[in-house]
C-alpha atoms as a PDB file:
ATOM      1  CA  MET A   1       0.000   0.000   0.000  1.00  0.00           C
ATOM      2  CA  LYS A   2       1.111   3.553  -0.650  1.00  0.00           C
ATOM      3  CA  HIS A   3       0.441   6.692   1.359  1.00  0.00           C
ATOM      4  CA  VAL A   4      -0.057   4.907   4.663  1.00  0.00           C
ATOM      5  CA  GLN A   5       1.584   5.199   8.052  1.00  0.00           C
ATOM      6  CA  THR A   6       1.977   2.105  10.184  1.00  0.00           C
ATOM      7  CA  LYS A   7       0.460   2.737  13.601  1.00  0.00           C
ATOM      8  CA  GLU A   8       0.681  -0.660  15.283  1.00  0.00           C
ATOM      9  CA  ILE A   9       1.588  -4.273  14.621  1.00  0.00           C
ATOM     10  CA  THR A  10      -0.621  -6.423  16.823  1.00  0.00           C
ATOM     11  CA  GLY A  11      -0.212  -9.859  18.366  1.00  0.00           C
ATOM     12  CA  ASP A  12       1.031 -11.594  21.485  1.00  0.00           C
ATOM     13  CA  LEU A  13       3.638 -14.228  20.643  1.00  0.00           C
ATOM     14  CA  ASN A  14       2.918 -14.023  16.905  1.00  0.00           C
ATOM     15  CA  VAL A  15       1.837 -11.223  14.607  1.00  0.00           C
ATOM     16  CA  ASN A  16      -1.912 -11.222  13.996  1.00  0.00           C
ATOM     17  CA  GLY A  17      -2.552  -7.854  12.382  1.00  0.00           C
ATOM     18  CA  ILE A  18      -1.475  -4.363  11.461  1.00  0.00           C
ATOM     19  CA  THR A  19      -3.149  -1.026  12.062  1.00  0.00           C
ATOM     20  CA  TYR A  20      -2.341   1.825   9.712  1.00  0.00           C
ATOM     21  CA  VAL A  21      -3.489   5.355   8.925  1.00  0.00           C
ATOM     22  CA  ASP A  22      -4.252   6.432   5.359  1.00  0.00           C
ATOM     23  CA  ARG A  23      -2.258   9.661   4.996  1.00  0.00           C
ATOM     24  CA  GLU A  24      -4.658  11.070   2.411  1.00  0.00           C
ATOM     25  CA  THR A  25      -7.938  10.486   4.275  1.00  0.00           C
ATOM     26  CA  GLY A  26      -6.747  10.187   7.883  1.00  0.00           C
ATOM     27  CA  GLU A  27      -8.798   7.000   8.149  1.00  0.00           C
ATOM     28  CA  GLU A  28      -7.455   4.259  10.413  1.00  0.00           C
ATOM     29  CA  GLN A  29      -7.630   0.650   9.207  1.00  0.00           C
ATOM     30  CA  HIS A  30      -6.798  -2.708  10.771  1.00  0.00           C
ATOM     31  CA  VAL A  31      -5.952  -5.787   8.699  1.00  0.00           C
ATOM     32  CA  GLU A  32      -5.739  -9.271  10.182  1.00  0.00           C
ATOM     33  CA  LEU A  33      -2.728 -11.201   8.925  1.00  0.00           C
ATOM     34  CA  GLN A  34      -0.034 -13.666   9.971  1.00  0.00           C
ATOM     35  CA  ALA A  35       3.121 -11.836   8.906  1.00  0.00           C
ATOM     36  CA  VAL A  36       4.303  -8.324   8.104  1.00  0.00           C
ATOM     37  CA  PHE A  37       6.848  -7.164   5.555  1.00  0.00           C
ATOM     38  CA  VAL A  38       7.154  -3.378   5.735  1.00  0.00           C
ATOM     39  CA  LYS A  39       8.842  -1.393   2.989  1.00  0.00           C
ATOM     40  CA  ILE A  40       9.782   2.076   4.134  1.00  0.00           C
ATOM     41  CA  GLY A  41       9.958   4.761   1.484  1.00  0.00           C
ATOM     42  CA  LEU A  42       9.927   4.576  -2.275  1.00  0.00           C
ATOM     43  CA  VAL A  43      11.920   7.669  -3.229  1.00  0.00           C
ATOM     44  CA  PRO A  44      15.652   7.916  -2.447  1.00  0.00           C
ATOM     45  CA  ASN A  45      17.042  10.980  -0.664  1.00  0.00           C
ATOM     46  CA  THR A  46      19.365  11.999  -3.498  1.00  0.00           C
ATOM     47  CA  GLU A  47      18.027  15.428  -4.464  1.00  0.00           C
ATOM     48  CA  TRP A  48      21.226  17.027  -3.120  1.00  0.00           C
ATOM     49  CA  LEU A  49      23.014  15.433  -6.094  1.00  0.00           C
ATOM     50  CA  ASP A  50      21.002  17.392  -8.698  1.00  0.00           C
ATOM     51  CA  GLY A  51      23.130  17.990 -11.769  1.00  0.00           C
ATOM     52  CA  SER A  52      26.261  16.301 -10.417  1.00  0.00           C
ATOM     53  CA  VAL A  53      25.708  12.600 -11.058  1.00  0.00           C
ATOM     54  CA  GLU A  54      23.403  10.658 -13.389  1.00  0.00           C
ATOM     55  CA  ARG A  55      20.118   9.636 -11.777  1.00  0.00           C
ATOM     56  CA  ASN A  56      16.971   8.000 -13.136  1.00  0.00           C
ATOM     57  CA  ARG A  57      13.472   9.521 -13.243  1.00  0.00           C
ATOM     58  CA  ILE A  58      12.785   8.732  -9.571  1.00  0.00           C
ATOM     59  CA  GLY A  59      16.152   9.951  -8.326  1.00  0.00           C
ATOM     60  CA  GLU A  60      18.047   6.686  -7.969  1.00  0.00           C
ATOM     61  CA  ILE A  61      21.770   6.981  -8.744  1.00  0.00           C
ATOM     62  CA  ALA A  62      22.734   5.165 -11.947  1.00  0.00           C
ATOM     63  CA  VAL A  63      25.593   2.721 -11.299  1.00  0.00           C
ATOM     64  CA  ASP A  64      27.362   0.040 -13.293  1.00  0.00           C
ATOM     65  CA  LYS A  65      27.848  -3.553 -12.115  1.00  0.00           C
ATOM     66  CA  ARG A  66      30.765  -2.434  -9.902  1.00  0.00           C
ATOM     67  CA  GLY A  67      28.822   0.407  -8.268  1.00  0.00           C
ATOM     68  CA  GLU A  68      30.574   3.196 -10.170  1.00  0.00           C
ATOM     69  CA  THR A  69      28.520   6.276 -11.003  1.00  0.00           C
ATOM     70  CA  SER A  70      28.702   8.562 -14.032  1.00  0.00           C
ATOM     71  CA  ILE A  71      31.645  10.291 -12.323  1.00  0.00           C
ATOM     72  CA  PRO A  72      34.818   8.187 -12.608  1.00  0.00           C
ATOM     73  CA  GLY A  73      36.006   7.132  -9.150  1.00  0.00           C
ATOM     74  CA  LEU A  74      32.692   7.950  -7.450  1.00  0.00           C
ATOM     75  CA  PHE A  75      30.828   4.879  -6.220  1.00  0.00           C
ATOM     76  CA  ALA A  76      27.370   4.400  -4.702  1.00  0.00           C
ATOM     77  CA  ALA A  77      25.600   1.427  -3.149  1.00  0.00           C
ATOM     78  CA  GLY A  78      22.331   0.417  -1.579  1.00  0.00           C
ATOM     79  CA  ASP A  79      18.787   1.695  -1.820  1.00  0.00           C
ATOM     80  CA  CYS A  80      19.818   5.030  -3.354  1.00  0.00           C
ATOM     81  CA  THR A  81      21.013   3.254  -6.518  1.00  0.00           C
ATOM     82  CA  ASP A  82      19.103   1.937  -9.526  1.00  0.00           C
ATOM     83  CA  GLY A  83      19.407  -1.728  -8.532  1.00  0.00           C
ATOM     84  CA  PRO A  84      16.319  -3.872  -9.122  1.00  0.00           C
ATOM     85  CA  TYR A  85      15.327  -4.422  -5.473  1.00  0.00           C
ATOM     86  CA  ASN A  86      15.544  -2.287  -2.339  1.00  0.00           C
ATOM     87  CA  GLN A  87      15.902  -4.486   0.711  1.00  0.00           C
ATOM     88  CA  ILE A  88      18.460  -4.440   3.519  1.00  0.00           C
ATOM     89  CA  ILE A  89      20.123  -7.729   2.590  1.00  0.00           C
ATOM     90  CA  ILE A  90      20.479  -6.655  -1.040  1.00  0.00           C
ATOM     91  CA  SER A  91      21.899  -3.299   0.055  1.00  0.00           C
ATOM     92  CA  MET A  92      24.460  -5.108   2.188  1.00  0.00           C
ATOM     93  CA  GLY A  93      25.577  -7.169  -0.797  1.00  0.00           C
ATOM     94  CA  SER A  94      25.582  -4.046  -2.957  1.00  0.00           C
ATOM     95  CA  GLY A  95      27.855  -2.350  -0.417  1.00  0.00           C
ATOM     96  CA  ALA A  96      30.292  -5.256  -0.445  1.00  0.00           C
ATOM     97  CA  ASN A  97      30.304  -5.371  -4.250  1.00  0.00           C
ATOM     98  CA  THR A  98      30.806  -1.609  -4.485  1.00  0.00           C
ATOM     99  CA  ALA A  99      33.624  -1.654  -1.914  1.00  0.00           C
ATOM    100  CA  LEU A 100      35.420  -4.240  -4.056  1.00  0.00           C
ATOM    101  CA  GLY A 101      34.730  -2.159  -7.172  1.00  0.00           C
ATOM    102  CA  ALA A 102      36.162   0.951  -5.510  1.00  0.00           C
ATOM    103  CA  PHE A 103      39.201  -0.987  -4.291  1.00  0.00           C
ATOM    104  CA  ASP A 104      39.797  -2.315  -7.804  1.00  0.00           C
ATOM    105  CA  TYR A 105      39.458   1.206  -9.213  1.00  0.00           C
ATOM    106  CA  LEU A 106      41.976   2.567  -6.717  1.00  0.00           C
ATOM    107  CA  ILE A 107      44.636  -0.076  -7.367  1.00  0.00           C
ATOM    108  CA  ARG A 108      44.291   0.344 -11.148  1.00  0.00           C
ATOM    109  CA  ASN A 109      44.335   4.172 -11.236  1.00  0.00           C
END
């Protein structure tokens, strides 16, 4: 769901529901469920890079397979990049890959 604010995840020993507020209407809703997977934010905080590095239409930094940006020697990793998925475990792998890419760049230049 978009435009909602999580208010409460309910349950005792196990999750049994989530309560959220619709940010557009202010209406509070509760959904019964057995698990929760929350994705926080859809737009990266990269506006401070305007005009300095290539970004896509939603502001994600364009990187190659090594994490290098449109500026030689400048690397980026994680949810601010144009990778296909934005999850913590993928960002961790992206960081490791980009660190190796930066290291390789430094020893070759």
